Amino acid sequence: MAKQPNLNQMMRQVQQMQDEMVKAQDALKSEVVEASAGGGTVTVKISGDLELREVTINPQAVDPDDVEMLQDMVLAATNEAIRSAQELAAKKMSAATGGLGAIPGMGGLGVPGL
């Protein structure tokens, strides 16, 4: 006969995992990723919690006759920074959950807050 799981121990482990996830989410707020486009013409910085922190545009890139190109570079840099921030967040959360978040069907173990 199989041994019954210790529910108290499981709940402590889930609580510990939740605590680690909160710590990881808090840490993401202070981490910043940077991306650029146009060979550094446009640089965007975004925090790990996806807050846009800074947009820098080289003054030489401002051409009143070609605003569309500048807009495209801002868009490209912003999207790349968002992707980088999402990758950073995924790594932090995976570390906090011991990789459980990456297991298909686990859905954060079905526990609120996970």
N, C-alpha and C. Protein backbone atom coordinates (compact mmCIF):
# COMPACT_ATOMS: atom_id res chain seq x y z
N MET A 1 0.83 -1.18 0.00
CA MET A 1 0.00 0.00 0.00
C MET A 1 0.87 1.24 0.00
N ALA A 2 0.55 2.19 -0.86
CA ALA A 2 1.35 3.40 -1.00
C ALA A 2 1.18 4.30 0.21
N LYS A 3 2.25 4.94 0.59
CA LYS A 3 2.24 5.86 1.74
C LYS A 3 1.49 7.14 1.35
N GLN A 4 0.63 7.60 2.23
CA GLN A 4 -0.14 8.83 1.98
C GLN A 4 0.80 10.03 2.05
N PRO A 5 0.63 11.01 1.15
CA PRO A 5 1.48 12.21 1.20
C PRO A 5 1.19 13.00 2.47
N ASN A 6 2.21 13.64 2.98
CA ASN A 6 2.08 14.48 4.16
C ASN A 6 1.58 15.85 3.70
N LEU A 7 0.30 16.12 3.93
CA LEU A 7 -0.31 17.37 3.46
C LEU A 7 0.30 18.59 4.13
N ASN A 8 0.63 18.48 5.40
CA ASN A 8 1.25 19.62 6.08
C ASN A 8 2.59 19.97 5.44
N GLN A 9 3.36 18.95 5.13
CA GLN A 9 4.66 19.18 4.49
C GLN A 9 4.47 19.79 3.10
N MET A 10 3.49 19.28 2.35
CA MET A 10 3.22 19.82 1.01
C MET A 10 2.81 21.29 1.10
N MET A 11 1.96 21.63 2.06
CA MET A 11 1.50 23.01 2.21
C MET A 11 2.67 23.93 2.59
N ARG A 12 3.59 23.43 3.43
CA ARG A 12 4.77 24.23 3.77
C ARG A 12 5.62 24.47 2.52
N GLN A 13 5.76 23.45 1.70
CA GLN A 13 6.54 23.59 0.47
C GLN A 13 5.88 24.57 -0.49
N VAL A 14 4.56 24.51 -0.60
CA VAL A 14 3.84 25.44 -1.47
C VAL A 14 3.99 26.87 -0.94
N GLN A 15 3.88 27.05 0.37
CA GLN A 15 4.04 28.37 0.96
C GLN A 15 5.45 28.90 0.72
N GLN A 16 6.44 28.03 0.86
CA GLN A 16 7.82 28.43 0.62
C GLN A 16 8.00 28.85 -0.84
N MET A 17 7.39 28.10 -1.76
CA MET A 17 7.47 28.44 -3.17
C MET A 17 6.81 29.79 -3.44
N GLN A 18 5.67 30.03 -2.81
CA GLN A 18 4.98 31.32 -2.98
C GLN A 18 5.87 32.45 -2.46
N ASP A 19 6.51 32.25 -1.32
CA ASP A 19 7.40 33.26 -0.76
C ASP A 19 8.55 33.56 -1.72
N GLU A 20 9.11 32.49 -2.31
CA GLU A 20 10.21 32.67 -3.27
C GLU A 20 9.74 33.43 -4.51
N MET A 21 8.52 33.16 -4.95
CA MET A 21 7.99 33.86 -6.12
C MET A 21 7.79 35.35 -5.83
N VAL A 22 7.31 35.67 -4.64
CA VAL A 22 7.13 37.07 -4.26
C VAL A 22 8.48 37.77 -4.24
N LYS A 23 9.49 37.11 -3.68
CA LYS A 23 10.84 37.69 -3.66
C LYS A 23 11.36 37.92 -5.08
N ALA A 24 11.13 36.95 -5.95
CA ALA A 24 11.59 37.07 -7.34
C ALA A 24 10.87 38.21 -8.04
N GLN A 25 9.56 38.34 -7.81
CA GLN A 25 8.81 39.44 -8.43
C GLN A 25 9.31 40.78 -7.93
N ASP A 26 9.60 40.88 -6.65
CA ASP A 26 10.13 42.13 -6.10
C ASP A 26 11.50 42.45 -6.69
N ALA A 27 12.33 41.42 -6.85
CA ALA A 27 13.66 41.63 -7.44
C ALA A 27 13.56 42.10 -8.88
N LEU A 28 12.57 41.62 -9.62
CA LEU A 28 12.40 42.02 -11.01
C LEU A 28 12.15 43.52 -11.15
N LYS A 29 11.51 44.11 -10.17
CA LYS A 29 11.20 45.55 -10.23
C LYS A 29 12.47 46.39 -10.29
N SER A 30 13.55 45.90 -9.70
CA SER A 30 14.78 46.69 -9.66
C SER A 30 15.75 46.34 -10.78
N GLU A 31 15.48 45.26 -11.50
CA GLU A 31 16.35 44.89 -12.61
C GLU A 31 15.89 45.57 -13.89
N VAL A 32 16.85 45.98 -14.71
CA VAL A 32 16.54 46.69 -15.94
C VAL A 32 17.26 46.03 -17.11
N VAL A 33 16.51 45.84 -18.20
CA VAL A 33 17.12 45.34 -19.43
C VAL A 33 17.13 46.48 -20.44
N GLU A 34 18.06 46.40 -21.36
CA GLU A 34 18.24 47.46 -22.35
C GLU A 34 18.29 46.84 -23.74
N ALA A 35 17.67 47.52 -24.69
CA ALA A 35 17.73 47.09 -26.08
C ALA A 35 17.86 48.32 -26.95
N SER A 36 18.45 48.13 -28.11
CA SER A 36 18.61 49.27 -29.02
C SER A 36 18.29 48.86 -30.44
N ALA A 37 18.08 49.86 -31.26
CA ALA A 37 17.81 49.65 -32.69
C ALA A 37 18.55 50.72 -33.47
N GLY A 38 18.74 50.44 -34.74
CA GLY A 38 19.42 51.42 -35.60
C GLY A 38 20.86 51.63 -35.19
N GLY A 39 21.52 50.55 -34.77
CA GLY A 39 22.93 50.67 -34.39
C GLY A 39 23.13 51.54 -33.17
N GLY A 40 22.18 51.54 -32.25
CA GLY A 40 22.29 52.34 -31.03
C GLY A 40 21.63 53.71 -31.15
N THR A 41 21.00 53.97 -32.28
CA THR A 41 20.33 55.26 -32.48
C THR A 41 19.21 55.46 -31.48
N VAL A 42 18.48 54.37 -31.19
CA VAL A 42 17.40 54.40 -30.21
C VAL A 42 17.69 53.31 -29.18
N THR A 43 17.65 53.70 -27.91
CA THR A 43 17.87 52.76 -26.82
C THR A 43 16.69 52.83 -25.86
N VAL A 44 16.23 51.66 -25.44
CA VAL A 44 15.08 51.58 -24.53
C VAL A 44 15.49 50.74 -23.33
N LYS A 45 15.09 51.21 -22.14
CA LYS A 45 15.32 50.45 -20.91
C LYS A 45 13.97 50.13 -20.28
N ILE A 46 13.80 48.85 -19.91
CA ILE A 46 12.56 48.38 -19.31
C ILE A 46 12.91 47.56 -18.07
N SER A 47 12.13 47.76 -17.01
CA SER A 47 12.36 46.99 -15.79
C SER A 47 11.87 45.56 -15.98
N GLY A 48 12.29 44.70 -15.08
CA GLY A 48 11.89 43.30 -15.14
C GLY A 48 10.39 43.09 -14.97
N ASP A 49 9.70 44.08 -14.40
CA ASP A 49 8.25 43.98 -14.28
C ASP A 49 7.55 44.75 -15.40
N LEU A 50 8.28 44.96 -16.50
CA LEU A 50 7.77 45.53 -17.76
C LEU A 50 7.34 47.00 -17.66
N GLU A 51 8.02 47.76 -16.83
CA GLU A 51 7.78 49.20 -16.77
C GLU A 51 8.83 49.89 -17.62
N LEU A 52 8.37 50.68 -18.59
CA LEU A 52 9.28 51.43 -19.45
C LEU A 52 9.98 52.47 -18.59
N ARG A 53 11.30 52.42 -18.54
CA ARG A 53 12.06 53.33 -17.67
C ARG A 53 12.72 54.48 -18.43
N GLU A 54 13.16 54.19 -19.66
CA GLU A 54 13.91 55.23 -20.37
C GLU A 54 13.91 54.95 -21.86
N VAL A 55 13.78 56.03 -22.63
CA VAL A 55 13.93 55.98 -24.08
C VAL A 55 14.96 57.05 -24.43
N THR A 56 16.04 56.65 -25.11
CA THR A 56 17.08 57.58 -25.52
C THR A 56 17.16 57.57 -27.03
N ILE A 57 17.13 58.77 -27.62
CA ILE A 57 17.21 58.91 -29.07
C ILE A 57 18.39 59.81 -29.40
N ASN A 58 19.27 59.31 -30.24
CA ASN A 58 20.40 60.11 -30.69
C ASN A 58 19.86 61.30 -31.47
N PRO A 59 20.23 62.52 -31.10
CA PRO A 59 19.71 63.70 -31.79
C PRO A 59 19.93 63.69 -33.30
N GLN A 60 20.99 63.02 -33.76
CA GLN A 60 21.25 62.96 -35.19
C GLN A 60 20.22 62.11 -35.92
N ALA A 61 19.44 61.33 -35.18
CA ALA A 61 18.42 60.47 -35.80
C ALA A 61 17.14 61.23 -36.09
N VAL A 62 17.04 62.42 -35.57
CA VAL A 62 15.81 63.19 -35.74
C VAL A 62 15.85 63.90 -37.10
N ASP A 63 15.14 63.31 -38.04
CA ASP A 63 15.04 63.87 -39.38
C ASP A 63 13.57 64.19 -39.62
N PRO A 64 13.21 65.46 -39.66
CA PRO A 64 11.80 65.82 -39.82
C PRO A 64 11.18 65.25 -41.09
N ASP A 65 12.00 64.91 -42.06
CA ASP A 65 11.49 64.35 -43.31
C ASP A 65 11.31 62.83 -43.24
N ASP A 66 11.79 62.21 -42.16
CA ASP A 66 11.68 60.76 -42.06
C ASP A 66 11.36 60.35 -40.62
N VAL A 67 10.29 60.87 -40.10
CA VAL A 67 9.85 60.54 -38.74
C VAL A 67 9.46 59.07 -38.65
N GLU A 68 8.95 58.52 -39.73
CA GLU A 68 8.51 57.13 -39.73
C GLU A 68 9.64 56.17 -39.39
N MET A 69 10.84 56.42 -39.91
CA MET A 69 11.97 55.54 -39.61
C MET A 69 12.29 55.61 -38.12
N LEU A 70 12.27 56.79 -37.53
CA LEU A 70 12.54 56.94 -36.11
C LEU A 70 11.48 56.21 -35.29
N GLN A 71 10.24 56.32 -35.69
CA GLN A 71 9.15 55.63 -35.00
C GLN A 71 9.37 54.11 -35.06
N ASP A 72 9.79 53.62 -36.22
CA ASP A 72 10.05 52.19 -36.38
C ASP A 72 11.18 51.73 -35.46
N MET A 73 12.23 52.55 -35.34
CA MET A 73 13.35 52.19 -34.47
C MET A 73 12.92 52.17 -33.00
N VAL A 74 12.10 53.13 -32.59
CA VAL A 74 11.60 53.15 -31.21
C VAL A 74 10.76 51.90 -30.96
N LEU A 75 9.91 51.57 -31.89
CA LEU A 75 9.07 50.38 -31.78
C LEU A 75 9.93 49.11 -31.69
N ALA A 76 10.92 48.99 -32.55
CA ALA A 76 11.77 47.81 -32.56
C ALA A 76 12.55 47.67 -31.25
N ALA A 77 13.12 48.77 -30.78
CA ALA A 77 13.88 48.73 -29.54
C ALA A 77 12.98 48.39 -28.35
N THR A 78 11.79 48.96 -28.33
CA THR A 78 10.86 48.70 -27.23
C THR A 78 10.43 47.23 -27.22
N ASN A 79 10.09 46.70 -28.38
CA ASN A 79 9.68 45.29 -28.45
C ASN A 79 10.81 44.35 -28.04
N GLU A 80 12.02 44.66 -28.43
CA GLU A 80 13.16 43.82 -28.05
C GLU A 80 13.40 43.90 -26.54
N ALA A 81 13.27 45.09 -25.97
CA ALA A 81 13.44 45.23 -24.52
C ALA A 81 12.36 44.47 -23.77
N ILE A 82 11.14 44.49 -24.26
CA ILE A 82 10.05 43.74 -23.63
C ILE A 82 10.35 42.24 -23.68
N ARG A 83 10.81 41.75 -24.82
CA ARG A 83 11.17 40.33 -24.93
C ARG A 83 12.27 39.97 -23.92
N SER A 84 13.27 40.83 -23.81
CA SER A 84 14.36 40.58 -22.87
C SER A 84 13.86 40.57 -21.43
N ALA A 85 12.98 41.50 -21.10
CA ALA A 85 12.43 41.57 -19.74
C ALA A 85 11.57 40.34 -19.44
N GLN A 86 10.82 39.86 -20.43
CA GLN A 86 10.01 38.66 -20.24
C GLN A 86 10.89 37.43 -20.03
N GLU A 87 12.00 37.35 -20.76
CA GLU A 87 12.94 36.24 -20.57
C GLU A 87 13.53 36.28 -19.17
N LEU A 88 13.89 37.49 -18.71
CA LEU A 88 14.44 37.66 -17.37
C LEU A 88 13.41 37.21 -16.32
N ALA A 89 12.17 37.63 -16.50
CA ALA A 89 11.11 37.27 -15.56
C ALA A 89 10.89 35.76 -15.56
N ALA A 90 10.90 35.14 -16.72
CA ALA A 90 10.70 33.70 -16.81
C ALA A 90 11.81 32.95 -16.08
N LYS A 91 13.04 33.41 -16.22
CA LYS A 91 14.17 32.77 -15.54
C LYS A 91 14.03 32.90 -14.02
N LYS A 92 13.67 34.09 -13.56
CA LYS A 92 13.52 34.33 -12.12
C LYS A 92 12.38 33.48 -11.55
N MET A 93 11.26 33.43 -12.25
CA MET A 93 10.12 32.67 -11.76
C MET A 93 10.41 31.17 -11.78
N SER A 94 11.12 30.72 -12.81
CA SER A 94 11.48 29.31 -12.89
C SER A 94 12.39 28.93 -11.74
N ALA A 95 13.31 29.81 -11.40
CA ALA A 95 14.20 29.55 -10.27
C ALA A 95 13.41 29.52 -8.97
N ALA A 96 12.42 30.40 -8.84
CA ALA A 96 11.63 30.47 -7.61
C ALA A 96 10.73 29.26 -7.44
N THR A 97 10.27 28.69 -8.55
CA THR A 97 9.35 27.55 -8.47
C THR A 97 10.07 26.22 -8.66
N GLY A 98 11.37 26.26 -8.75
CA GLY A 98 12.12 25.03 -8.97
C GLY A 98 11.84 24.42 -10.33
N GLY A 99 11.44 25.28 -11.28
CA GLY A 99 11.16 24.82 -12.63
C GLY A 99 9.77 24.29 -12.84
N LEU A 100 8.93 24.29 -11.81
CA LEU A 100 7.57 23.75 -11.95
C LEU A 100 6.72 24.55 -12.92
N GLY A 101 6.98 25.85 -13.02
CA GLY A 101 6.19 26.68 -13.92
C GLY A 101 6.37 26.30 -15.38
N ALA A 102 7.48 25.62 -15.66
CA ALA A 102 7.77 25.25 -17.05
C ALA A 102 7.18 23.90 -17.43
N ILE A 103 6.57 23.22 -16.46
CA ILE A 103 6.02 21.91 -16.75
C ILE A 103 4.60 22.07 -17.30
N PRO A 104 4.36 21.67 -18.54
CA PRO A 104 3.02 21.81 -19.11
C PRO A 104 1.98 21.10 -18.25
N GLY A 105 0.85 21.76 -18.08
CA GLY A 105 -0.24 21.17 -17.32
C GLY A 105 -0.16 21.41 -15.82
N MET A 106 0.97 21.90 -15.33
CA MET A 106 1.09 22.15 -13.90
C MET A 106 0.33 23.41 -13.52
N GLY A 107 0.29 24.41 -14.42
CA GLY A 107 -0.50 25.61 -14.19
C GLY A 107 -0.26 26.23 -12.84
N GLY A 108 1.00 26.30 -12.41
CA GLY A 108 1.28 26.88 -11.12
C GLY A 108 0.74 26.03 -9.99
N LEU A 109 0.55 24.75 -10.20
CA LEU A 109 0.05 23.80 -9.23
C LEU A 109 -1.39 24.05 -8.82
N GLY A 110 -2.06 24.98 -9.50
CA GLY A 110 -3.46 25.25 -9.21
C GLY A 110 -3.67 25.97 -7.89
N VAL A 111 -2.60 26.54 -7.34
CA VAL A 111 -2.70 27.24 -6.08
C VAL A 111 -2.77 28.74 -6.35
N PRO A 112 -3.76 29.44 -5.79
CA PRO A 112 -3.84 30.89 -6.03
C PRO A 112 -2.54 31.58 -5.67
N GLY A 113 -2.14 32.51 -6.51
CA GLY A 113 -0.90 33.24 -6.27
C GLY A 113 0.32 32.61 -6.90
N LEU A 114 0.16 31.41 -7.44
CA LEU A 114 1.30 30.75 -8.11
C LEU A 114 1.20 30.91 -9.59
